[in-house]
Amino acid sequence: MYVSIGDKRFDFHKIEIDVLEMGIENTFAKFDKMTLGELVGQKKYEHLKQQTEKHYGSLLELSAGEALLALKDAGDSFYRKFLNNYGDKLYSRFVVKGKEELLLQNGVYNIIVNDELTFSGVCARSFKERFNQHIGNISAKGCYRDGTATHCHVNARLTELFGKESIHFSICPIEDKKEMNQLKNAIIRRFEPIWNLRVAKDETEYLRSF
């Protein structure tokens, strides 16, 4: 695959995915770096502080993850307000396989499902780090409001498709960050990858709800 912008051609290289584990649930519940009381003291959660302290005082000394799981198990949807839009999904753990010299570079990546481009993103660090340590291994904190919703979204969508559809990544090494974003934006404008559009729509609606 290649993409041309003006007189410049950008070549993409196919990268295979090795799925290690599927059906990982309640990842957010593993977050134990602070209590629920400490969490609502953080800027991103200030708007939840009064309601949390008023109605959930008995949970304030529990780790944030333990407290939110208790709410979920009790059928109380309030726990979702602490998470990003994709913070309580089923995830998978996976790594990528390919030429090491390519994976250790940074640049633009695409996700291809059944030969259709579904998502485009940038890696300011190496592709290997982004895929293996972040998108392919969702952290507990990544599920929260101040985590990385895009990683959660992409992993959850891939998890739904693994074993059912043909999926691979394609990568284009680029050093210049400005050029990376120009290429990614050109791809999104030209091909309208459905997952990029979905993330933008969902995040806009999510922000409006608070």
C-alpha atoms as a PDB file:
ATOM      1  CA  MET A   1       0.000   0.000   0.000  1.00  0.00           C
ATOM      2  CA  TYR A   2       1.139   3.543  -0.643  1.00  0.00           C
ATOM      3  CA  VAL A   3      -0.327   7.034  -0.320  1.00  0.00           C
ATOM      4  CA  SER A   4       0.677   9.995  -2.468  1.00  0.00           C
ATOM      5  CA  ILE A   5       0.521  13.602  -1.309  1.00  0.00           C
ATOM      6  CA  GLY A   6       1.445  15.960  -4.097  1.00  0.00           C
ATOM      7  CA  ASP A   7       4.547  14.540  -5.727  1.00  0.00           C
ATOM      8  CA  LYS A   8       5.621  12.583  -2.647  1.00  0.00           C
ATOM      9  CA  ARG A   9       4.885   8.874  -2.198  1.00  0.00           C
ATOM     10  CA  PHE A  10       4.615   7.212   1.232  1.00  0.00           C
ATOM     11  CA  ASP A  11       5.022   3.424   1.253  1.00  0.00           C
ATOM     12  CA  PHE A  12       3.384   1.280   3.942  1.00  0.00           C
ATOM     13  CA  HIS A  13       4.671  -2.109   5.121  1.00  0.00           C
ATOM     14  CA  LYS A  14       2.421  -4.946   6.280  1.00  0.00           C
ATOM     15  CA  ILE A  15       2.799  -6.005   9.931  1.00  0.00           C
ATOM     16  CA  GLU A  16       1.193  -9.156  11.334  1.00  0.00           C
ATOM     17  CA  ILE A  17      -0.504  -9.437  14.738  1.00  0.00           C
ATOM     18  CA  ASP A  18       0.110 -12.245  17.240  1.00  0.00           C
ATOM     19  CA  VAL A  19      -2.799 -12.509  19.694  1.00  0.00           C
ATOM     20  CA  LEU A  20      -1.690 -13.747  23.129  1.00  0.00           C
ATOM     21  CA  GLU A  21      -4.860 -13.453  25.205  1.00  0.00           C
ATOM     22  CA  MET A  22      -8.491 -12.570  24.594  1.00  0.00           C
ATOM     23  CA  GLY A  23     -11.582 -11.707  26.612  1.00  0.00           C
ATOM     24  CA  ILE A  24      -9.827  -9.601  29.257  1.00  0.00           C
ATOM     25  CA  GLU A  25     -12.499  -7.883  31.354  1.00  0.00           C
ATOM     26  CA  ASN A  26     -12.661  -5.319  34.181  1.00  0.00           C
ATOM     27  CA  THR A  27      -9.190  -3.981  33.403  1.00  0.00           C
ATOM     28  CA  PHE A  28     -10.073  -0.697  35.134  1.00  0.00           C
ATOM     29  CA  ALA A  29     -10.489  -2.600  38.424  1.00  0.00           C
ATOM     30  CA  LYS A  30      -6.732  -3.271  38.594  1.00  0.00           C
ATOM     31  CA  PHE A  31      -5.937   0.405  39.188  1.00  0.00           C
ATOM     32  CA  ASP A  32      -4.623   0.598  42.752  1.00  0.00           C
ATOM     33  CA  LYS A  33      -2.253   3.570  42.683  1.00  0.00           C
ATOM     34  CA  MET A  34      -4.703   5.772  44.570  1.00  0.00           C
ATOM     35  CA  THR A  35      -7.917   5.481  46.550  1.00  0.00           C
ATOM     36  CA  LEU A  36     -11.270   6.643  45.242  1.00  0.00           C
ATOM     37  CA  GLY A  37     -11.019   9.585  47.631  1.00  0.00           C
ATOM     38  CA  GLU A  38      -7.651  10.560  46.175  1.00  0.00           C
ATOM     39  CA  LEU A  39      -8.932  10.135  42.632  1.00  0.00           C
ATOM     40  CA  VAL A  40     -11.792  12.605  43.044  1.00  0.00           C
ATOM     41  CA  GLY A  41      -9.228  15.105  44.273  1.00  0.00           C
ATOM     42  CA  GLN A  42      -7.625  15.099  40.819  1.00  0.00           C
ATOM     43  CA  LYS A  43      -8.541  17.842  38.344  1.00  0.00           C
ATOM     44  CA  LYS A  44     -10.160  15.491  35.791  1.00  0.00           C
ATOM     45  CA  TYR A  45     -12.544  14.229  38.474  1.00  0.00           C
ATOM     46  CA  GLU A  46     -13.380  17.419  40.362  1.00  0.00           C
ATOM     47  CA  HIS A  47     -16.924  17.451  38.993  1.00  0.00           C
ATOM     48  CA  LEU A  48     -17.528  14.015  40.599  1.00  0.00           C
ATOM     49  CA  LYS A  49     -16.123  14.855  44.026  1.00  0.00           C
ATOM     50  CA  GLN A  50     -19.256  16.194  45.724  1.00  0.00           C
ATOM     51  CA  GLN A  51     -21.525  13.391  44.527  1.00  0.00           C
ATOM     52  CA  THR A  52     -18.943  10.727  45.372  1.00  0.00           C
ATOM     53  CA  GLU A  53     -18.363  11.999  48.888  1.00  0.00           C
ATOM     54  CA  LYS A  54     -22.091  12.433  49.516  1.00  0.00           C
ATOM     55  CA  HIS A  55     -23.323   9.061  48.249  1.00  0.00           C
ATOM     56  CA  TYR A  56     -20.295   6.758  48.267  1.00  0.00           C
ATOM     57  CA  GLY A  57     -18.415   7.708  51.418  1.00  0.00           C
ATOM     58  CA  SER A  58     -17.934   4.062  52.402  1.00  0.00           C
ATOM     59  CA  LEU A  59     -15.855   3.487  49.258  1.00  0.00           C
ATOM     60  CA  LEU A  60     -13.487   6.453  49.561  1.00  0.00           C
ATOM     61  CA  GLU A  61     -10.714   4.498  51.286  1.00  0.00           C
ATOM     62  CA  LEU A  62     -10.782   1.628  48.800  1.00  0.00           C
ATOM     63  CA  SER A  63      -8.450   1.639  45.810  1.00  0.00           C
ATOM     64  CA  ALA A  64     -10.141   3.387  42.903  1.00  0.00           C
ATOM     65  CA  GLY A  65     -10.319   0.185  40.885  1.00  0.00           C
ATOM     66  CA  GLU A  66     -11.800  -1.833  43.742  1.00  0.00           C
ATOM     67  CA  ALA A  67     -14.371   0.886  44.445  1.00  0.00           C
ATOM     68  CA  LEU A  68     -15.500   1.157  40.836  1.00  0.00           C
ATOM     69  CA  LEU A  69     -15.768  -2.616  40.483  1.00  0.00           C
ATOM     70  CA  ALA A  70     -17.943  -2.698  43.608  1.00  0.00           C
ATOM     71  CA  LEU A  71     -20.237  -0.131  42.003  1.00  0.00           C
ATOM     72  CA  LYS A  72     -20.361  -2.092  38.771  1.00  0.00           C
ATOM     73  CA  ASP A  73     -21.140  -5.338  40.597  1.00  0.00           C
ATOM     74  CA  ALA A  74     -23.931  -3.533  42.447  1.00  0.00           C
ATOM     75  CA  GLY A  75     -25.434  -2.396  39.136  1.00  0.00           C
ATOM     76  CA  ASP A  76     -24.613   1.277  39.788  1.00  0.00           C
ATOM     77  CA  SER A  77     -23.656   2.953  36.516  1.00  0.00           C
ATOM     78  CA  PHE A  78     -21.990   5.864  38.361  1.00  0.00           C
ATOM     79  CA  TYR A  79     -18.680   4.001  38.013  1.00  0.00           C
ATOM     80  CA  ARG A  80     -18.695   4.732  34.272  1.00  0.00           C
ATOM     81  CA  LYS A  81     -18.289   8.455  34.890  1.00  0.00           C
ATOM     82  CA  PHE A  82     -14.718   7.786  36.013  1.00  0.00           C
ATOM     83  CA  LEU A  83     -13.844   5.925  32.821  1.00  0.00           C
ATOM     84  CA  ASN A  84     -13.325   7.025  29.249  1.00  0.00           C
ATOM     85  CA  ASN A  85     -15.918   6.060  26.664  1.00  0.00           C
ATOM     86  CA  TYR A  86     -14.199   2.714  26.026  1.00  0.00           C
ATOM     87  CA  GLY A  87     -12.887   2.068  29.534  1.00  0.00           C
ATOM     88  CA  ASP A  88     -15.063  -0.938  30.335  1.00  0.00           C
ATOM     89  CA  LYS A  89     -14.745  -3.124  27.274  1.00  0.00           C
ATOM     90  CA  LEU A  90     -13.405  -6.604  26.615  1.00  0.00           C
ATOM     91  CA  TYR A  91      -9.757  -6.328  25.562  1.00  0.00           C
ATOM     92  CA  SER A  92      -7.055  -8.556  24.134  1.00  0.00           C
ATOM     93  CA  ARG A  93      -3.316  -8.704  24.624  1.00  0.00           C
ATOM     94  CA  PHE A  94      -1.274  -8.906  21.445  1.00  0.00           C
ATOM     95  CA  VAL A  95       2.114  -8.137  19.924  1.00  0.00           C
ATOM     96  CA  VAL A  96       3.219  -7.422  16.375  1.00  0.00           C
ATOM     97  CA  LYS A  97       5.623  -9.391  14.191  1.00  0.00           C
ATOM     98  CA  GLY A  98       7.765  -7.962  11.415  1.00  0.00           C
ATOM     99  CA  LYS A  99      11.113  -6.483  10.521  1.00  0.00           C
ATOM    100  CA  GLU A 100      12.723  -5.122  13.663  1.00  0.00           C
ATOM    101  CA  GLU A 101      14.353  -2.230  11.816  1.00  0.00           C
ATOM    102  CA  LEU A 102      10.890  -1.048  10.763  1.00  0.00           C
ATOM    103  CA  LEU A 103       9.194  -1.641  14.106  1.00  0.00           C
ATOM    104  CA  LEU A 104      11.830   0.366  15.966  1.00  0.00           C
ATOM    105  CA  GLN A 105      11.056   3.464  13.905  1.00  0.00           C
ATOM    106  CA  ASN A 106       8.153   5.872  14.333  1.00  0.00           C
ATOM    107  CA  GLY A 107       5.636   7.247  11.866  1.00  0.00           C
ATOM    108  CA  VAL A 108       2.092   6.590  10.646  1.00  0.00           C
ATOM    109  CA  TYR A 109       0.181   3.326  11.035  1.00  0.00           C
ATOM    110  CA  ASN A 110      -3.042   2.019   9.547  1.00  0.00           C
ATOM    111  CA  ILE A 111      -5.297  -0.811  10.658  1.00  0.00           C
ATOM    112  CA  ILE A 112      -6.613  -2.922   7.800  1.00  0.00           C
ATOM    113  CA  VAL A 113      -9.662  -5.188   8.241  1.00  0.00           C
ATOM    114  CA  ASN A 114     -10.604  -7.369   5.291  1.00  0.00           C
ATOM    115  CA  ASP A 115      -8.578  -5.077   3.001  1.00  0.00           C
ATOM    116  CA  GLU A 116     -10.473  -2.007   4.258  1.00  0.00           C
ATOM    117  CA  LEU A 117      -8.617   0.816   6.002  1.00  0.00           C
ATOM    118  CA  THR A 118     -10.462   1.266   9.304  1.00  0.00           C
ATOM    119  CA  PHE A 119      -8.094   3.426  11.383  1.00  0.00           C
ATOM    120  CA  SER A 120      -5.056   5.659  10.956  1.00  0.00           C
ATOM    121  CA  GLY A 121      -2.805   6.966  13.721  1.00  0.00           C
ATOM    122  CA  VAL A 122       0.679   8.238  14.494  1.00  0.00           C
ATOM    123  CA  CYS A 123       3.488   6.828  16.627  1.00  0.00           C
ATOM    124  CA  ALA A 124       5.734   9.563  18.000  1.00  0.00           C
ATOM    125  CA  ARG A 125       7.727   6.750  19.621  1.00  0.00           C
ATOM    126  CA  SER A 126       8.482   3.405  18.030  1.00  0.00           C
ATOM    127  CA  PHE A 127       5.778   1.310  16.381  1.00  0.00           C
ATOM    128  CA  LYS A 128       6.846  -1.632  18.534  1.00  0.00           C
ATOM    129  CA  GLU A 129       6.327   0.311  21.755  1.00  0.00           C
ATOM    130  CA  ARG A 130       2.964   1.707  20.663  1.00  0.00           C
ATOM    131  CA  PHE A 131       1.595  -1.664  19.533  1.00  0.00           C
ATOM    132  CA  ASN A 132       3.078  -4.031  22.113  1.00  0.00           C
ATOM    133  CA  GLN A 133       3.018  -1.886  25.260  1.00  0.00           C
ATOM    134  CA  HIS A 134      -0.010   0.343  24.691  1.00  0.00           C
ATOM    135  CA  ILE A 135      -2.588  -0.632  22.050  1.00  0.00           C
ATOM    136  CA  GLY A 136      -1.919  -4.335  22.535  1.00  0.00           C
ATOM    137  CA  ASN A 137      -1.712  -4.215  26.326  1.00  0.00           C
ATOM    138  CA  ILE A 138      -4.296  -1.894  27.867  1.00  0.00           C
ATOM    139  CA  SER A 139      -3.264  -0.628  31.295  1.00  0.00           C
ATOM    140  CA  ALA A 140      -5.719  -0.171  34.144  1.00  0.00           C
ATOM    141  CA  LYS A 141      -5.126   3.600  34.258  1.00  0.00           C
ATOM    142  CA  GLY A 142      -5.591   3.800  30.498  1.00  0.00           C
ATOM    143  CA  CYS A 143      -9.269   2.997  31.044  1.00  0.00           C
ATOM    144  CA  TYR A 144      -9.913   6.153  33.072  1.00  0.00           C
ATOM    145  CA  ARG A 145     -10.952   9.648  31.975  1.00  0.00           C
ATOM    146  CA  ASP A 146      -7.331  10.786  31.936  1.00  0.00           C
ATOM    147  CA  GLY A 147      -6.168   7.612  30.201  1.00  0.00           C
ATOM    148  CA  THR A 148      -5.931   7.007  26.473  1.00  0.00           C
ATOM    149  CA  ALA A 149      -9.392   6.409  25.046  1.00  0.00           C
ATOM    150  CA  THR A 150      -8.062   5.746  21.546  1.00  0.00           C
ATOM    151  CA  HIS A 151      -5.976   2.774  22.709  1.00  0.00           C
ATOM    152  CA  CYS A 152      -8.978   1.322  24.548  1.00  0.00           C
ATOM    153  CA  HIS A 153     -11.239   1.878  21.543  1.00  0.00           C
ATOM    154  CA  VAL A 154      -8.886   0.300  19.022  1.00  0.00           C
ATOM    155  CA  ASN A 155      -8.098  -2.695  21.231  1.00  0.00           C
ATOM    156  CA  ALA A 156     -11.782  -3.305  21.966  1.00  0.00           C
ATOM    157  CA  ARG A 157     -12.710  -3.148  18.280  1.00  0.00           C
ATOM    158  CA  LEU A 158      -9.893  -5.504  17.349  1.00  0.00           C
ATOM    159  CA  THR A 159     -10.950  -7.875  20.122  1.00  0.00           C
ATOM    160  CA  GLU A 160     -14.412  -8.106  18.579  1.00  0.00           C
ATOM    161  CA  LEU A 161     -12.858  -9.112  15.236  1.00  0.00           C
ATOM    162  CA  PHE A 162      -9.939 -11.391  16.129  1.00  0.00           C
ATOM    163  CA  GLY A 163     -10.536 -14.895  14.808  1.00  0.00           C
ATOM    164  CA  LYS A 164     -13.399 -13.711  12.589  1.00  0.00           C
ATOM    165  CA  GLU A 165     -11.825 -11.275  10.144  1.00  0.00           C
ATOM    166  CA  SER A 166      -8.494 -10.758   8.366  1.00  0.00           C
ATOM    167  CA  ILE A 167      -6.601  -8.032  10.259  1.00  0.00           C
ATOM    168  CA  HIS A 168      -3.154  -6.494   9.987  1.00  0.00           C
ATOM    169  CA  PHE A 169      -1.333  -3.221  10.609  1.00  0.00           C
ATOM    170  CA  SER A 170       0.544  -1.297   7.949  1.00  0.00           C
ATOM    171  CA  ILE A 171       3.272   1.152   8.911  1.00  0.00           C
ATOM    172  CA  CYS A 172       5.073   4.010   7.202  1.00  0.00           C
ATOM    173  CA  PRO A 173       8.274   5.129   8.974  1.00  0.00           C
ATOM    174  CA  ILE A 174       8.566   8.936   9.182  1.00  0.00           C
ATOM    175  CA  GLU A 175      10.887  10.958  11.402  1.00  0.00           C
ATOM    176  CA  ASP A 176       9.323  14.414  11.159  1.00  0.00           C
ATOM    177  CA  LYS A 177       6.306  14.793  13.501  1.00  0.00           C
ATOM    178  CA  LYS A 178       4.704  17.492  11.370  1.00  0.00           C
ATOM    179  CA  GLU A 179       4.912  15.259   8.306  1.00  0.00           C
ATOM    180  CA  MET A 180       3.438  12.367  10.299  1.00  0.00           C
ATOM    181  CA  ASN A 181       0.357  14.382  11.180  1.00  0.00           C
ATOM    182  CA  GLN A 182       0.016  15.721   7.649  1.00  0.00           C
ATOM    183  CA  LEU A 183      -0.004  12.191   6.266  1.00  0.00           C
ATOM    184  CA  LYS A 184      -2.406  10.863   8.891  1.00  0.00           C
ATOM    185  CA  ASN A 185      -4.804  13.765   8.338  1.00  0.00           C
ATOM    186  CA  ALA A 186      -4.604  13.316   4.561  1.00  0.00           C
ATOM    187  CA  ILE A 187      -5.458   9.629   4.949  1.00  0.00           C
ATOM    188  CA  ILE A 188      -8.434  10.401   7.202  1.00  0.00           C
ATOM    189  CA  ARG A 189      -9.759  13.052   4.801  1.00  0.00           C
ATOM    190  CA  ARG A 190      -9.333  10.831   1.744  1.00  0.00           C
ATOM    191  CA  PHE A 191     -10.431   7.429   3.091  1.00  0.00           C
ATOM    192  CA  GLU A 192     -12.619   8.374   6.096  1.00  0.00           C
ATOM    193  CA  PRO A 193     -11.596   5.370   8.242  1.00  0.00           C
ATOM    194  CA  ILE A 194     -14.665   4.375  10.206  1.00  0.00           C
ATOM    195  CA  TRP A 195     -12.904   3.958  13.563  1.00  0.00           C
ATOM    196  CA  ASN A 196     -11.360   7.430  13.388  1.00  0.00           C
ATOM    197  CA  LEU A 197     -14.782   8.913  12.674  1.00  0.00           C
ATOM    198  CA  ARG A 198     -16.349   6.862  15.466  1.00  0.00           C
ATOM    199  CA  VAL A 199     -13.776   7.994  18.033  1.00  0.00           C
ATOM    200  CA  ALA A 200     -14.268  11.649  17.095  1.00  0.00           C
ATOM    201  CA  LYS A 201     -18.062  11.372  17.294  1.00  0.00           C
ATOM    202  CA  ASP A 202     -18.103   9.435  20.566  1.00  0.00           C
ATOM    203  CA  GLU A 203     -15.583  11.692  22.278  1.00  0.00           C
ATOM    204  CA  THR A 204     -17.529  14.808  21.273  1.00  0.00           C
ATOM    205  CA  GLU A 205     -20.714  13.333  22.711  1.00  0.00           C
ATOM    206  CA  TYR A 206     -18.841  12.222  25.825  1.00  0.00           C
ATOM    207  CA  LEU A 207     -17.498  15.703  26.522  1.00  0.00           C
ATOM    208  CA  ARG A 208     -20.923  17.255  26.030  1.00  0.00           C
ATOM    209  CA  SER A 209     -22.356  14.967  28.701  1.00  0.00           C
ATOM    210  CA  PHE A 210     -20.242  16.554  31.460  1.00  0.00           C
END
